[in-house]
Amino acid sequence: MPNLKDLARLDAPRLTDAGLLFMRVAAALLLLCVHGLPKLLNWSAELQRIEDPFGIGPGLTLGMAVFAEVLCPLLLILGIGARLACLPVLAVLLVALVVVHPDWTLEQGQFAWLLLALYGGLAITGPGGFSLAARIGREGRAAR
């Protein structure tokens, strides 16, 4: 009869996949709901108030922010191109922390720092086994 330690070891990969699924969906929904959708749904108002730290114009700046905060989280939820989808998000977070709000205290920037940790971790680990990319990969290998 297997003991509890043996059973825990057998489930470790699936638990890791479940943890990565939880982490990527939670991080994506936080960014999407708190920043992405409000920007997309209030485009005109956001054009008037968005910071343009590189002088490329509010429309292009807002478009890039919406890409990083709406499309990339959706890809991350699905687990499609997850590592690549994290990169624009990391770029937006770093620009916000270093260029736009360099005066923020750790407390003021804590949401951005937490998202930076989550998206950085996901960029390193990838989406895990419970993702569309893993499913497609498995089916592709099985068809060969």
Protein backbone atom coordinates (compact mmCIF):
# COMPACT_ATOMS: atom_id res chain seq x y z
CA MET A 1 0.00 0.00 0.00
CA PRO A 2 1.50 3.39 -1.01
CA ASN A 3 2.11 5.87 1.75
CA LEU A 4 1.05 9.53 1.71
CA LYS A 5 4.50 10.79 0.64
CA ASP A 6 4.46 8.54 -2.43
CA LEU A 7 1.02 9.81 -3.43
CA ALA A 8 2.07 13.45 -2.97
CA ARG A 9 5.12 12.88 -5.17
CA LEU A 10 2.97 11.34 -7.91
CA ASP A 11 0.66 14.35 -7.97
CA ALA A 12 3.42 16.99 -7.88
CA PRO A 13 3.46 17.72 -11.65
CA ARG A 14 -0.34 18.06 -11.77
CA LEU A 15 -0.29 20.28 -8.67
CA THR A 16 2.35 22.46 -10.31
CA ASP A 17 0.22 22.69 -13.46
CA ALA A 18 -2.82 23.60 -11.33
CA GLY A 19 -0.80 26.26 -9.51
CA LEU A 20 0.40 27.78 -12.78
CA LEU A 21 -3.16 27.75 -14.13
CA PHE A 22 -4.39 29.55 -11.03
CA MET A 23 -1.51 32.04 -11.13
CA ARG A 24 -1.88 32.91 -14.81
CA VAL A 25 -5.69 33.23 -14.70
CA ALA A 26 -5.62 35.31 -11.52
CA ALA A 27 -2.86 37.62 -12.81
CA ALA A 28 -4.58 37.99 -16.17
CA LEU A 29 -8.01 38.74 -14.70
CA LEU A 30 -6.56 41.29 -12.28
CA LEU A 31 -4.80 43.18 -15.06
CA LEU A 32 -7.71 42.84 -17.47
CA CYS A 33 -10.41 43.99 -15.03
CA VAL A 34 -8.50 46.69 -13.16
CA HIS A 35 -6.62 48.28 -16.07
CA GLY A 36 -7.33 46.80 -19.50
CA LEU A 37 -11.12 46.82 -19.83
CA PRO A 38 -11.55 50.28 -18.26
CA LYS A 39 -9.09 51.68 -20.81
CA LEU A 40 -10.77 49.89 -23.71
CA LEU A 41 -14.34 50.76 -22.67
CA ASN A 42 -13.52 54.42 -21.90
CA TRP A 43 -11.17 55.03 -24.83
CA SER A 44 -12.04 58.72 -25.38
CA ALA A 45 -11.70 59.66 -21.73
CA GLU A 46 -8.47 57.67 -21.41
CA LEU A 47 -6.98 59.51 -24.41
CA GLN A 48 -7.34 62.74 -22.44
CA ARG A 49 -5.60 61.47 -19.32
CA ILE A 50 -3.01 58.87 -20.37
CA GLU A 51 0.61 59.77 -19.78
CA ASP A 52 2.76 59.81 -22.93
CA PRO A 53 6.27 59.33 -21.51
CA PHE A 54 7.99 58.77 -24.88
CA GLY A 55 6.16 61.45 -26.91
CA ILE A 56 4.62 59.03 -29.42
CA GLY A 57 1.12 60.42 -28.98
CA PRO A 58 -1.74 59.48 -26.70
CA GLY A 59 -3.46 57.27 -29.30
CA LEU A 60 -0.46 55.03 -29.90
CA THR A 61 0.44 54.99 -26.21
CA LEU A 62 -3.10 53.98 -25.27
CA GLY A 63 -3.19 51.40 -28.06
CA MET A 64 -0.02 49.77 -26.79
CA ALA A 65 -1.34 49.80 -23.22
CA VAL A 66 -4.62 48.19 -24.32
CA PHE A 67 -2.69 45.56 -26.30
CA ALA A 68 -0.64 44.71 -23.19
CA GLU A 69 -3.55 44.90 -20.75
CA VAL A 70 -6.35 43.26 -22.81
CA LEU A 71 -5.00 41.00 -25.55
CA CYS A 72 -1.99 39.67 -23.65
CA PRO A 73 -4.02 38.67 -20.55
CA LEU A 74 -6.54 36.86 -22.79
CA LEU A 75 -3.70 34.92 -24.42
CA LEU A 76 -2.30 34.17 -20.99
CA ILE A 77 -5.64 32.80 -19.74
CA LEU A 78 -5.73 30.44 -22.70
CA GLY A 79 -2.06 29.59 -22.33
CA ILE A 80 -1.26 30.52 -25.93
CA GLY A 81 2.16 32.12 -26.37
CA ALA A 82 2.11 32.70 -22.63
CA ARG A 83 5.78 33.56 -22.18
CA LEU A 84 5.68 35.95 -25.12
CA ALA A 85 2.38 37.46 -23.90
CA CYS A 86 4.04 38.34 -20.59
CA LEU A 87 6.69 40.53 -22.22
CA PRO A 88 4.48 43.52 -23.22
CA VAL A 89 2.87 43.43 -19.78
CA LEU A 90 6.29 43.47 -18.11
CA ALA A 91 7.32 46.38 -20.34
CA VAL A 92 4.21 48.41 -19.44
CA LEU A 93 4.70 47.70 -15.75
CA LEU A 94 8.37 48.71 -15.85
CA VAL A 95 7.57 51.92 -17.76
CA ALA A 96 4.87 52.75 -15.21
CA LEU A 97 7.18 52.13 -12.26
CA VAL A 98 10.43 53.57 -13.60
CA VAL A 99 9.42 56.30 -16.07
CA VAL A 100 5.86 57.46 -15.34
CA HIS A 101 5.75 57.09 -11.54
CA PRO A 102 9.35 57.06 -10.28
CA ASP A 103 8.21 58.97 -7.19
CA TRP A 104 5.90 56.19 -6.00
CA THR A 105 6.72 54.59 -2.70
CA LEU A 106 6.74 50.82 -2.45
CA GLU A 107 3.29 51.02 -0.90
CA GLN A 108 1.91 53.18 -3.73
CA GLY A 109 3.34 50.89 -6.38
CA GLN A 110 2.60 47.59 -4.64
CA PHE A 111 -0.02 46.46 -7.20
CA ALA A 112 2.42 47.02 -10.05
CA TRP A 113 5.22 45.26 -8.17
CA LEU A 114 2.99 42.27 -7.43
CA LEU A 115 1.94 42.05 -11.09
CA LEU A 116 5.59 42.35 -12.07
CA ALA A 117 6.40 39.36 -9.83
CA LEU A 118 3.49 37.30 -11.20
CA TYR A 119 4.12 38.06 -14.87
CA GLY A 120 7.88 37.68 -14.42
CA GLY A 121 7.38 34.26 -12.85
CA LEU A 122 5.03 33.22 -15.65
CA ALA A 123 7.50 34.44 -18.27
CA ILE A 124 10.10 32.16 -16.69
CA THR A 125 7.90 29.08 -16.09
CA GLY A 126 5.50 29.20 -19.01
CA PRO A 127 1.80 28.33 -18.77
CA GLY A 128 2.07 24.80 -17.38
CA GLY A 129 0.31 21.66 -18.51
CA PHE A 130 -3.25 22.98 -18.19
CA SER A 131 -3.07 25.27 -21.21
CA LEU A 132 -4.24 25.27 -24.78
CA ALA A 133 -0.64 25.25 -25.98
CA ALA A 134 0.12 22.11 -23.96
CA ARG A 135 -3.05 20.45 -25.23
CA ILE A 136 -2.23 21.25 -28.86
CA GLY A 137 1.33 20.05 -28.30
CA ARG A 138 0.12 16.76 -26.85
CA GLU A 139 -2.34 16.19 -29.69
CA GLY A 140 0.31 17.07 -32.26
CA ARG A 141 2.74 14.54 -30.76
CA ALA A 142 0.02 11.86 -30.59
CA ALA A 143 -0.91 12.34 -34.26
CA ARG A 144 2.66 11.71 -35.45
